[in-house]
PDB file of N, CA and C in Angstrom:
ATOM      1  N   MET A   1     -17.252  48.167  -9.364  1.00  0.00           N
ATOM      2  CA  MET A   1     -16.081  47.366  -9.649  1.00  0.00           C
ATOM      3  C   MET A   1     -15.165  47.281  -8.422  1.00  0.00           C
ATOM      4  N   ILE A   2     -15.022  48.398  -7.725  1.00  0.00           N
ATOM      5  CA  ILE A   2     -14.175  48.409  -6.532  1.00  0.00           C
ATOM      6  C   ILE A   2     -14.773  47.489  -5.474  1.00  0.00           C
ATOM      7  N   LYS A   3     -16.114  47.517  -5.327  1.00  0.00           N
ATOM      8  CA  LYS A   3     -16.768  46.650  -4.345  1.00  0.00           C
ATOM      9  C   LYS A   3     -16.554  45.179  -4.694  1.00  0.00           C
ATOM     10  N   LEU A   4     -16.602  44.860  -5.976  1.00  0.00           N
ATOM     11  CA  LEU A   4     -16.386  43.485  -6.415  1.00  0.00           C
ATOM     12  C   LEU A   4     -14.974  43.034  -6.074  1.00  0.00           C
ATOM     13  N   CYS A   5     -13.982  43.864  -6.370  1.00  0.00           N
ATOM     14  CA  CYS A   5     -12.580  43.526  -6.071  1.00  0.00           C
ATOM     15  C   CYS A   5     -12.367  43.385  -4.575  1.00  0.00           C
ATOM     16  N   LEU A   6     -12.968  44.281  -3.806  1.00  0.00           N
ATOM     17  CA  LEU A   6     -12.844  44.219  -2.351  1.00  0.00           C
ATOM     18  C   LEU A   6     -13.494  42.948  -1.820  1.00  0.00           C
ATOM     19  N   SER A   7     -14.658  42.594  -2.348  1.00  0.00           N
ATOM     20  CA  SER A   7     -15.347  41.373  -1.920  1.00  0.00           C
ATOM     21  C   SER A   7     -14.539  40.126  -2.261  1.00  0.00           C
ATOM     22  N   LEU A   8     -13.974  40.098  -3.458  1.00  0.00           N
ATOM     23  CA  LEU A   8     -13.146  38.952  -3.852  1.00  0.00           C
ATOM     24  C   LEU A   8     -11.900  38.848  -2.984  1.00  0.00           C
ATOM     25  N   THR A   9     -11.269  39.959  -2.694  1.00  0.00           N
ATOM     26  CA  THR A   9     -10.074  39.957  -1.845  1.00  0.00           C
ATOM     27  C   THR A   9     -10.409  39.469  -0.449  1.00  0.00           C
ATOM     28  N   LEU A  10     -11.501  39.962   0.108  1.00  0.00           N
ATOM     29  CA  LEU A  10     -11.933  39.534   1.433  1.00  0.00           C
ATOM     30  C   LEU A  10     -12.288  38.047   1.436  1.00  0.00           C
ATOM     31  N   GLY A  11     -12.977  37.585   0.398  1.00  0.00           N
ATOM     32  CA  GLY A  11     -13.326  36.171   0.290  1.00  0.00           C
ATOM     33  C   GLY A  11     -12.103  35.280   0.221  1.00  0.00           C
ATOM     34  N   CYS A  12     -11.114  35.690  -0.561  1.00  0.00           N
ATOM     35  CA  CYS A  12      -9.871  34.912  -0.668  1.00  0.00           C
ATOM     36  C   CYS A  12      -9.132  34.878   0.661  1.00  0.00           C
ATOM     37  N   ALA A  13      -9.117  35.997   1.358  1.00  0.00           N
ATOM     38  CA  ALA A  13      -8.453  36.052   2.662  1.00  0.00           C
ATOM     39  C   ALA A  13      -9.132  35.113   3.649  1.00  0.00           C
ATOM     40  N   LEU A  14     -10.455  35.094   3.655  1.00  0.00           N
ATOM     41  CA  LEU A  14     -11.181  34.194   4.555  1.00  0.00           C
ATOM     42  C   LEU A  14     -10.925  32.730   4.212  1.00  0.00           C
ATOM     43  N   LEU A  15     -10.887  32.402   2.946  1.00  0.00           N
ATOM     44  CA  LEU A  15     -10.586  31.029   2.538  1.00  0.00           C
ATOM     45  C   LEU A  15      -9.177  30.629   2.949  1.00  0.00           C
ATOM     46  N   ALA A  16      -8.236  31.538   2.810  1.00  0.00           N
ATOM     47  CA  ALA A  16      -6.856  31.245   3.195  1.00  0.00           C
ATOM     48  C   ALA A  16      -6.768  30.997   4.695  1.00  0.00           C
ATOM     49  N   LEU A  17      -7.459  31.792   5.489  1.00  0.00           N
ATOM     50  CA  LEU A  17      -7.432  31.605   6.935  1.00  0.00           C
ATOM     51  C   LEU A  17      -8.119  30.313   7.345  1.00  0.00           C
ATOM     52  N   THR A  18      -9.197  29.979   6.672  1.00  0.00           N
ATOM     53  CA  THR A  18      -9.909  28.740   6.981  1.00  0.00           C
ATOM     54  C   THR A  18      -9.036  27.534   6.657  1.00  0.00           C
ATOM     55  N   GLY A  19      -8.295  27.599   5.592  1.00  0.00           N
ATOM     56  CA  GLY A  19      -7.404  26.499   5.204  1.00  0.00           C
ATOM     57  C   GLY A  19      -6.244  26.315   6.160  1.00  0.00           C
ATOM     58  N   CYS A  20      -5.969  27.305   6.970  1.00  0.00           N
ATOM     59  CA  CYS A  20      -4.856  27.241   7.917  1.00  0.00           C
ATOM     60  C   CYS A  20      -5.302  26.787   9.297  1.00  0.00           C
ATOM     61  N   ALA A  21      -6.548  26.369   9.448  1.00  0.00           N
ATOM     62  CA  ALA A  21      -7.042  25.894  10.736  1.00  0.00           C
ATOM     63  C   ALA A  21      -6.193  24.716  11.185  1.00  0.00           C
ATOM     64  N   ASP A  22      -6.083  24.548  12.499  1.00  0.00           N
ATOM     65  CA  ASP A  22      -5.199  23.495  12.974  1.00  0.00           C
ATOM     66  C   ASP A  22      -5.727  22.117  12.604  1.00  0.00           C
ATOM     67  N   PRO A  23      -4.900  21.318  11.930  1.00  0.00           N
ATOM     68  CA  PRO A  23      -5.323  19.973  11.529  1.00  0.00           C
ATOM     69  C   PRO A  23      -5.336  19.055  12.750  1.00  0.00           C
ATOM     70  N   PRO A  24      -6.098  17.968  12.690  1.00  0.00           N
ATOM     71  CA  PRO A  24      -6.112  17.057  13.835  1.00  0.00           C
ATOM     72  C   PRO A  24      -4.772  16.343  13.981  1.00  0.00           C
ATOM     73  N   LYS A  25      -4.484  15.939  15.208  1.00  0.00           N
ATOM     74  CA  LYS A  25      -3.317  15.102  15.486  1.00  0.00           C
ATOM     75  C   LYS A  25      -3.762  13.668  15.271  1.00  0.00           C
ATOM     76  N   VAL A  26      -2.797  12.784  15.050  1.00  0.00           N
ATOM     77  CA  VAL A  26      -3.116  11.374  14.837  1.00  0.00           C
ATOM     78  C   VAL A  26      -2.309  10.534  15.816  1.00  0.00           C
ATOM     79  N   LEU A  27      -2.974   9.603  16.432  1.00  0.00           N
ATOM     80  CA  LEU A  27      -2.377   8.699  17.411  1.00  0.00           C
ATOM     81  C   LEU A  27      -2.695   7.281  16.977  1.00  0.00           C
ATOM     82  N   GLN A  28      -1.708   6.416  17.028  1.00  0.00           N
ATOM     83  CA  GLN A  28      -1.953   5.004  16.736  1.00  0.00           C
ATOM     84  C   GLN A  28      -1.382   4.196  17.877  1.00  0.00           C
ATOM     85  N   GLY A  29      -2.162   3.248  18.352  1.00  0.00           N
ATOM     86  CA  GLY A  29      -1.693   2.420  19.447  1.00  0.00           C
ATOM     87  C   GLY A  29      -2.748   1.439  19.899  1.00  0.00           C
ATOM     88  N   LYS A  30      -2.474   0.823  21.051  1.00  0.00           N
ATOM     89  CA  LYS A  30      -3.317  -0.226  21.605  1.00  0.00           C
ATOM     90  C   LYS A  30      -4.319   0.379  22.587  1.00  0.00           C
ATOM     91  N   VAL A  31      -5.567  -0.065  22.478  1.00  0.00           N
ATOM     92  CA  VAL A  31      -6.598   0.383  23.411  1.00  0.00           C
ATOM     93  C   VAL A  31      -6.328  -0.255  24.770  1.00  0.00           C
ATOM     94  N   VAL A  32      -6.190   0.584  25.778  1.00  0.00           N
ATOM     95  CA  VAL A  32      -6.025   0.103  27.149  1.00  0.00           C
ATOM     96  C   VAL A  32      -7.408  -0.102  27.762  1.00  0.00           C
ATOM     97  N   SER A  33      -8.290   0.874  27.531  1.00  0.00           N
ATOM     98  CA  SER A  33      -9.663   0.749  28.014  1.00  0.00           C
ATOM     99  C   SER A  33     -10.575   1.622  27.166  1.00  0.00           C
ATOM    100  N   TYR A  34     -11.847   1.218  27.102  1.00  0.00           N
ATOM    101  CA  TYR A  34     -12.851   1.994  26.394  1.00  0.00           C
ATOM    102  C   TYR A  34     -14.153   1.881  27.161  1.00  0.00           C
ATOM    103  N   ASP A  35     -14.708   3.026  27.534  1.00  0.00           N
ATOM    104  CA  ASP A  35     -15.973   3.076  28.258  1.00  0.00           C
ATOM    105  C   ASP A  35     -16.950   3.899  27.418  1.00  0.00           C
ATOM    106  N   ALA A  36     -17.834   3.221  26.696  1.00  0.00           N
ATOM    107  CA  ALA A  36     -18.783   3.906  25.810  1.00  0.00           C
ATOM    108  C   ALA A  36     -19.729   4.799  26.600  1.00  0.00           C
ATOM    109  N   ALA A  37     -20.171   4.337  27.779  1.00  0.00           N
ATOM    110  CA  ALA A  37     -21.116   5.118  28.585  1.00  0.00           C
ATOM    111  C   ALA A  37     -20.489   6.430  29.058  1.00  0.00           C
ATOM    112  N   ALA A  38     -19.223   6.385  29.427  1.00  0.00           N
ATOM    113  CA  ALA A  38     -18.520   7.591  29.897  1.00  0.00           C
ATOM    114  C   ALA A  38     -17.888   8.366  28.745  1.00  0.00           C
ATOM    115  N   ALA A  39     -17.931   7.796  27.539  1.00  0.00           N
ATOM    116  CA  ALA A  39     -17.336   8.404  26.338  1.00  0.00           C
ATOM    117  C   ALA A  39     -15.855   8.698  26.546  1.00  0.00           C
ATOM    118  N   LEU A  40     -15.135   7.703  27.067  1.00  0.00           N
ATOM    119  CA  LEU A  40     -13.694   7.827  27.298  1.00  0.00           C
ATOM    120  C   LEU A  40     -12.952   6.596  26.785  1.00  0.00           C
ATOM    121  N   MET A  41     -11.789   6.837  26.212  1.00  0.00           N
ATOM    122  CA  MET A  41     -10.931   5.760  25.741  1.00  0.00           C
ATOM    123  C   MET A  41      -9.497   6.107  26.119  1.00  0.00           C
ATOM    124  N   VAL A  42      -8.757   5.109  26.569  1.00  0.00           N
ATOM    125  CA  VAL A  42      -7.338   5.285  26.864  1.00  0.00           C
ATOM    126  C   VAL A  42      -6.566   4.451  25.852  1.00  0.00           C
ATOM    127  N   VAL A  43      -5.612   5.106  25.167  1.00  0.00           N
ATOM    128  CA  VAL A  43      -4.812   4.443  24.143  1.00  0.00           C
ATOM    129  C   VAL A  43      -3.339   4.572  24.508  1.00  0.00           C
ATOM    130  N   GLU A  44      -2.606   3.452  24.389  1.00  0.00           N
ATOM    131  CA  GLU A  44      -1.164   3.462  24.614  1.00  0.00           C
ATOM    132  C   GLU A  44      -0.481   3.669  23.263  1.00  0.00           C
ATOM    133  N   ASP A  45       0.157   4.815  23.106  1.00  0.00           N
ATOM    134  CA  ASP A  45       0.811   5.187  21.851  1.00  0.00           C
ATOM    135  C   ASP A  45       1.866   4.151  21.488  1.00  0.00           C
ATOM    136  N   GLU A  46       1.935   3.797  20.195  1.00  0.00           N
ATOM    137  CA  GLU A  46       2.927   2.813  19.760  1.00  0.00           C
ATOM    138  C   GLU A  46       4.306   3.439  19.553  1.00  0.00           C
ATOM    139  N   LEU A  47       4.397   4.763  19.583  1.00  0.00           N
ATOM    140  CA  LEU A  47       5.699   5.413  19.440  1.00  0.00           C
ATOM    141  C   LEU A  47       6.523   5.213  20.698  1.00  0.00           C
ATOM    142  N   PRO A  48       7.846   5.242  20.593  1.00  0.00           N
ATOM    143  CA  PRO A  48       8.695   5.063  21.770  1.00  0.00           C
ATOM    144  C   PRO A  48       8.267   5.985  22.912  1.00  0.00           C
ATOM    145  N   GLY A  49       8.288   5.429  24.094  1.00  0.00           N
ATOM    146  CA  GLY A  49       7.803   6.132  25.263  1.00  0.00           C
ATOM    147  C   GLY A  49       6.444   5.595  25.678  1.00  0.00           C
ATOM    148  N   ASN A  50       5.706   5.070  24.701  1.00  0.00           N
ATOM    149  CA  ASN A  50       4.403   4.440  24.923  1.00  0.00           C
ATOM    150  C   ASN A  50       3.505   5.221  25.886  1.00  0.00           C
ATOM    151  N   ALA A  51       3.383   6.523  25.629  1.00  0.00           N
ATOM    152  CA  ALA A  51       2.523   7.368  26.468  1.00  0.00           C
ATOM    153  C   ALA A  51       1.088   6.891  26.394  1.00  0.00           C
ATOM    154  N   ARG A  52       0.399   6.980  27.512  1.00  0.00           N
ATOM    155  CA  ARG A  52      -1.027   6.665  27.547  1.00  0.00           C
ATOM    156  C   ARG A  52      -1.795   7.962  27.410  1.00  0.00           C
ATOM    157  N   VAL A  53      -2.729   7.972  26.470  1.00  0.00           N
ATOM    158  CA  VAL A  53      -3.504   9.175  26.179  1.00  0.00           C
ATOM    159  C   VAL A  53      -4.981   8.886  26.442  1.00  0.00           C
ATOM    160  N   GLU A  54      -5.599   9.742  27.261  1.00  0.00           N
ATOM    161  CA  GLU A  54      -7.034   9.623  27.521  1.00  0.00           C
ATOM    162  C   GLU A  54      -7.751  10.533  26.540  1.00  0.00           C
ATOM    163  N   LEU A  55      -8.711   9.964  25.830  1.00  0.00           N
ATOM    164  CA  LEU A  55      -9.442  10.707  24.804  1.00  0.00           C
ATOM    165  C   LEU A  55     -10.930  10.692  25.098  1.00  0.00           C
ATOM    166  N   GLY A  56     -11.554  11.841  24.970  1.00  0.00           N
ATOM    167  CA  GLY A  56     -13.009  11.894  25.006  1.00  0.00           C
ATOM    168  C   GLY A  56     -13.516  11.389  23.670  1.00  0.00           C
ATOM    169  N   THR A  57     -14.593  10.628  23.675  1.00  0.00           N
ATOM    170  CA  THR A  57     -15.095  10.058  22.422  1.00  0.00           C
ATOM    171  C   THR A  57     -16.517  10.496  22.092  1.00  0.00           C
ATOM    172  N   ALA A  58     -17.079  11.424  22.869  1.00  0.00           N
ATOM    173  CA  ALA A  58     -18.437  11.896  22.592  1.00  0.00           C
ATOM    174  C   ALA A  58     -18.474  12.554  21.216  1.00  0.00           C
ATOM    175  N   GLY A  59     -19.364  12.090  20.358  1.00  0.00           N
ATOM    176  CA  GLY A  59     -19.515  12.653  19.023  1.00  0.00           C
ATOM    177  C   GLY A  59     -18.501  12.166  18.002  1.00  0.00           C
ATOM    178  N   ALA A  60     -17.607  11.278  18.400  1.00  0.00           N
ATOM    179  CA  ALA A  60     -16.586  10.771  17.476  1.00  0.00           C
ATOM    180  C   ALA A  60     -17.207   9.789  16.483  1.00  0.00           C
ATOM    181  N   GLU A  61     -16.626   9.744  15.282  1.00  0.00           N
ATOM    182  CA  GLU A  61     -17.020   8.753  14.278  1.00  0.00           C
ATOM    183  C   GLU A  61     -16.211   7.483  14.530  1.00  0.00           C
ATOM    184  N   PHE A  62     -16.886   6.343  14.571  1.00  0.00           N
ATOM    185  CA  PHE A  62     -16.226   5.057  14.807  1.00  0.00           C
ATOM    186  C   PHE A  62     -16.411   4.153  13.613  1.00  0.00           C
ATOM    187  N   GLY A  63     -15.396   3.324  13.356  1.00  0.00           N
ATOM    188  CA  GLY A  63     -15.558   2.190  12.469  1.00  0.00           C
ATOM    189  C   GLY A  63     -16.168   1.122  13.369  1.00  0.00           C
ATOM    190  N   ALA A  64     -15.442   0.058  13.619  1.00  0.00           N
ATOM    191  CA  ALA A  64     -15.878  -0.961  14.568  1.00  0.00           C
ATOM    192  C   ALA A  64     -15.573  -0.466  15.980  1.00  0.00           C
ATOM    193  N   GLU A  65     -16.455  -0.777  16.910  1.00  0.00           N
ATOM    194  CA  GLU A  65     -16.259  -0.345  18.295  1.00  0.00           C
ATOM    195  C   GLU A  65     -14.998  -0.988  18.866  1.00  0.00           C
ATOM    196  N   PRO A  66     -14.152  -0.189  19.517  1.00  0.00           N
ATOM    197  CA  PRO A  66     -12.896  -0.728  20.039  1.00  0.00           C
ATOM    198  C   PRO A  66     -13.091  -1.523  21.331  1.00  0.00           C
ATOM    199  N   ALA A  67     -12.156  -2.422  21.570  1.00  0.00           N
ATOM    200  CA  ALA A  67     -12.107  -3.190  22.806  1.00  0.00           C
ATOM    201  C   ALA A  67     -10.656  -3.183  23.286  1.00  0.00           C
ATOM    202  N   ALA A  68     -10.462  -3.436  24.556  1.00  0.00           N
ATOM    203  CA  ALA A  68      -9.107  -3.468  25.115  1.00  0.00           C
ATOM    204  C   ALA A  68      -8.241  -4.421  24.298  1.00  0.00           C
ATOM    205  N   GLY A  69      -7.047  -3.957  23.934  1.00  0.00           N
ATOM    206  CA  GLY A  69      -6.114  -4.763  23.164  1.00  0.00           C
ATOM    207  C   GLY A  69      -6.153  -4.499  21.661  1.00  0.00           C
ATOM    208  N   ASP A  70      -7.212  -3.859  21.167  1.00  0.00           N
ATOM    209  CA  ASP A  70      -7.313  -3.554  19.734  1.00  0.00           C
ATOM    210  C   ASP A  70      -6.314  -2.465  19.340  1.00  0.00           C
ATOM    211  N   LEU A  71      -5.834  -2.553  18.114  1.00  0.00           N
ATOM    212  CA  LEU A  71      -4.984  -1.510  17.550  1.00  0.00           C
ATOM    213  C   LEU A  71      -5.891  -0.499  16.863  1.00  0.00           C
ATOM    214  N   VAL A  72      -5.766   0.779  17.253  1.00  0.00           N
ATOM    215  CA  VAL A  72      -6.610   1.827  16.676  1.00  0.00           C
ATOM    216  C   VAL A  72      -5.760   2.984  16.179  1.00  0.00           C
ATOM    217  N   ARG A  73      -6.333   3.722  15.243  1.00  0.00           N
ATOM    218  CA  ARG A  73      -5.749   4.988  14.781  1.00  0.00           C
ATOM    219  C   ARG A  73      -6.812   6.043  15.052  1.00  0.00           C
ATOM    220  N   VAL A  74      -6.419   7.097  15.771  1.00  0.00           N
ATOM    221  CA  VAL A  74      -7.373   8.106  16.220  1.00  0.00           C
ATOM    222  C   VAL A  74      -6.956   9.489  15.726  1.00  0.00           C
ATOM    223  N   ALA A  75      -7.874  10.188  15.090  1.00  0.00           N
ATOM    224  CA  ALA A  75      -7.676  11.593  14.746  1.00  0.00           C
ATOM    225  C   ALA A  75      -8.343  12.389  15.863  1.00  0.00           C
ATOM    226  N   TYR A  76      -7.589  13.300  16.482  1.00  0.00           N
ATOM    227  CA  TYR A  76      -8.118  14.048  17.619  1.00  0.00           C
ATOM    228  C   TYR A  76      -7.564  15.467  17.655  1.00  0.00           C
ATOM    229  N   ARG A  77      -8.211  16.291  18.443  1.00  0.00           N
ATOM    230  CA  ARG A  77      -7.736  17.658  18.686  1.00  0.00           C
ATOM    231  C   ARG A  77      -7.691  17.875  20.191  1.00  0.00           C
ATOM    232  N   GLU A  78      -6.772  18.704  20.608  1.00  0.00           N
ATOM    233  CA  GLU A  78      -6.696  19.061  22.018  1.00  0.00           C
ATOM    234  C   GLU A  78      -7.411  20.381  22.228  1.00  0.00           C
ATOM    235  N   ARG A  79      -8.328  20.388  23.175  1.00  0.00           N
ATOM    236  CA  ARG A  79      -9.088  21.579  23.528  1.00  0.00           C
ATOM    237  C   ARG A  79      -9.090  21.710  25.046  1.00  0.00           C
ATOM    238  N   ASP A  80      -8.672  22.844  25.510  1.00  0.00           N
ATOM    239  CA  ASP A  80      -8.634  23.109  26.960  1.00  0.00           C
ATOM    240  C   ASP A  80      -7.864  22.032  27.715  1.00  0.00           C
ATOM    241  N   GLY A  81      -6.763  21.574  27.135  1.00  0.00           N
ATOM    242  CA  GLY A  81      -5.910  20.589  27.789  1.00  0.00           C
ATOM    243  C   GLY A  81      -6.415  19.159  27.740  1.00  0.00           C
ATOM    244  N   LYS A  82      -7.507  18.914  27.023  1.00  0.00           N
ATOM    245  CA  LYS A  82      -8.059  17.557  26.925  1.00  0.00           C
ATOM    246  C   LYS A  82      -8.092  17.126  25.472  1.00  0.00           C
ATOM    247  N   ALA A  83      -7.835  15.844  25.241  1.00  0.00           N
ATOM    248  CA  ALA A  83      -7.862  15.291  23.880  1.00  0.00           C
ATOM    249  C   ALA A  83      -9.283  14.836  23.561  1.00  0.00           C
ATOM    250  N   GLN A  84      -9.805  15.281  22.405  1.00  0.00           N
ATOM    251  CA  GLN A  84     -11.148  14.906  21.960  1.00  0.00           C
ATOM    252  C   GLN A  84     -11.035  14.198  20.618  1.00  0.00           C
ATOM    253  N   ALA A  85     -11.418  12.914  20.594  1.00  0.00           N
ATOM    254  CA  ALA A  85     -11.361  12.124  19.362  1.00  0.00           C
ATOM    255  C   ALA A  85     -12.433  12.599  18.391  1.00  0.00           C
ATOM    256  N   HIS A  86     -12.075  12.617  17.106  1.00  0.00           N
ATOM    257  CA  HIS A  86     -13.045  12.938  16.062  1.00  0.00           C
ATOM    258  C   HIS A  86     -13.345  11.708  15.209  1.00  0.00           C
ATOM    259  N   ARG A  87     -12.305  10.899  14.971  1.00  0.00           N
ATOM    260  CA  ARG A  87     -12.474   9.664  14.194  1.00  0.00           C
ATOM    261  C   ARG A  87     -11.634   8.569  14.834  1.00  0.00           C
ATOM    262  N   VAL A  88     -12.218   7.386  14.913  1.00  0.00           N
ATOM    263  CA  VAL A  88     -11.527   6.233  15.482  1.00  0.00           C
ATOM    264  C   VAL A  88     -11.611   5.094  14.476  1.00  0.00           C
ATOM    265  N   MET A  89     -10.453   4.674  13.961  1.00  0.00           N
ATOM    266  CA  MET A  89     -10.398   3.542  13.034  1.00  0.00           C
ATOM    267  C   MET A  89      -9.834   2.348  13.801  1.00  0.00           C
ATOM    268  N   ASN A  90     -10.598   1.291  13.877  1.00  0.00           N
ATOM    269  CA  ASN A  90     -10.177   0.090  14.580  1.00  0.00           C
ATOM    270  C   ASN A  90      -9.455  -0.812  13.577  1.00  0.00           C
ATOM    271  N   LEU A  91      -8.134  -0.787  13.614  1.00  0.00           N
ATOM    272  CA  LEU A  91      -7.336  -1.559  12.655  1.00  0.00           C
ATOM    273  C   LEU A  91      -7.439  -3.061  12.907  1.00  0.00           C
ATOM    274  N   THR A  92      -7.633  -3.461  14.149  1.00  0.00           N
ATOM    275  CA  THR A  92      -7.772  -4.884  14.468  1.00  0.00           C
ATOM    276  C   THR A  92      -9.040  -5.447  13.847  1.00  0.00           C
ATOM    277  N   ARG A  93     -10.143  -4.776  14.038  1.00  0.00           N
ATOM    278  CA  ARG A  93     -11.422  -5.255  13.505  1.00  0.00           C
ATOM    279  C   ARG A  93     -11.453  -5.147  11.983  1.00  0.00           C
ATOM    280  N   GLN A  94     -10.758  -4.169  11.436  1.00  0.00           N
ATOM    281  CA  GLN A  94     -10.671  -4.041   9.983  1.00  0.00           C
ATOM    282  C   GLN A  94     -10.004  -5.284   9.409  1.00  0.00           C
ATOM    283  N   ALA A  95      -8.949  -5.743  10.061  1.00  0.00           N
ATOM    284  CA  ALA A  95      -8.245  -6.939   9.598  1.00  0.00           C
ATOM    285  C   ALA A  95      -9.156  -8.164   9.672  1.00  0.00           C
ATOM    286  N   GLU A  96      -9.995  -8.236  10.740  1.00  0.00           N
ATOM    287  CA  GLU A  96     -10.905  -9.366  10.879  1.00  0.00           C
ATOM    288  C   GLU A  96     -11.953  -9.390   9.775  1.00  0.00           C
ATOM    289  N   LEU A  97     -12.256  -8.216   9.226  1.00  0.00           N
ATOM    290  CA  LEU A  97     -13.276  -8.124   8.177  1.00  0.00           C
ATOM    291  C   LEU A  97     -12.681  -8.323   6.795  1.00  0.00           C
ATOM    292  N   GLY A  98     -11.412  -8.682   6.725  1.00  0.00           N
ATOM    293  CA  GLY A  98     -10.787  -8.953   5.443  1.00  0.00           C
ATOM    294  C   GLY A  98      -9.892  -7.822   4.948  1.00  0.00           C
ATOM    295  N   GLY A  99      -9.857  -6.724   5.686  1.00  0.00           N
ATOM    296  CA  GLY A  99      -8.939  -5.632   5.332  1.00  0.00           C
ATOM    297  C   GLY A  99      -7.575  -5.934   5.902  1.00  0.00           C
ATOM    298  N   SER A 100      -6.702  -5.022   5.760  1.00  0.00           N
ATOM    299  CA  SER A 100      -5.386  -5.210   6.372  1.00  0.00           C
ATOM    300  C   SER A 100      -4.995  -3.929   7.069  1.00  0.00           C
ATOM    301  N   PRO A 101      -4.491  -4.049   8.311  1.00  0.00           N
ATOM    302  CA  PRO A 101      -4.081  -2.848   9.014  1.00  0.00           C
ATOM    303  C   PRO A 101      -2.891  -2.224   8.298  1.00  0.00           C
ATOM    304  N   SER A 102      -2.945  -0.947   8.124  1.00  0.00           N
ATOM    305  CA  SER A 102      -1.816  -0.247   7.494  1.00  0.00           C
ATOM    306  C   SER A 102      -1.087   0.534   8.555  1.00  0.00           C
ATOM    307  N   HIS A 103       0.186   0.334   8.641  1.00  0.00           N
ATOM    308  CA  HIS A 103       1.014   1.035   9.648  1.00  0.00           C
ATOM    309  C   HIS A 103       1.846   2.059   8.925  1.00  0.00           C
TER     310      HIS A 103
END
């Protein structure tokens, strides 16, 4: 019984720690450039200041492939000082397919 309680306590602790993992950051803005071969995309943030963010895109999930000028929303994480995209939603192409970009 003690082993069962200890196992349950340890399991709950691990689940709690896993749930506290750092969530991805989200960036929305205009694509400045996208190089599929180099797996790099530069996005100009739509927030005031309009910072340009370079994102690695290797292994990222894409909706429609982005092109310069498209509005995108990117979920990414920073690792070793570099931004790595995990998901890229192309809001411009979504609108062309009959969806509507949500801001």
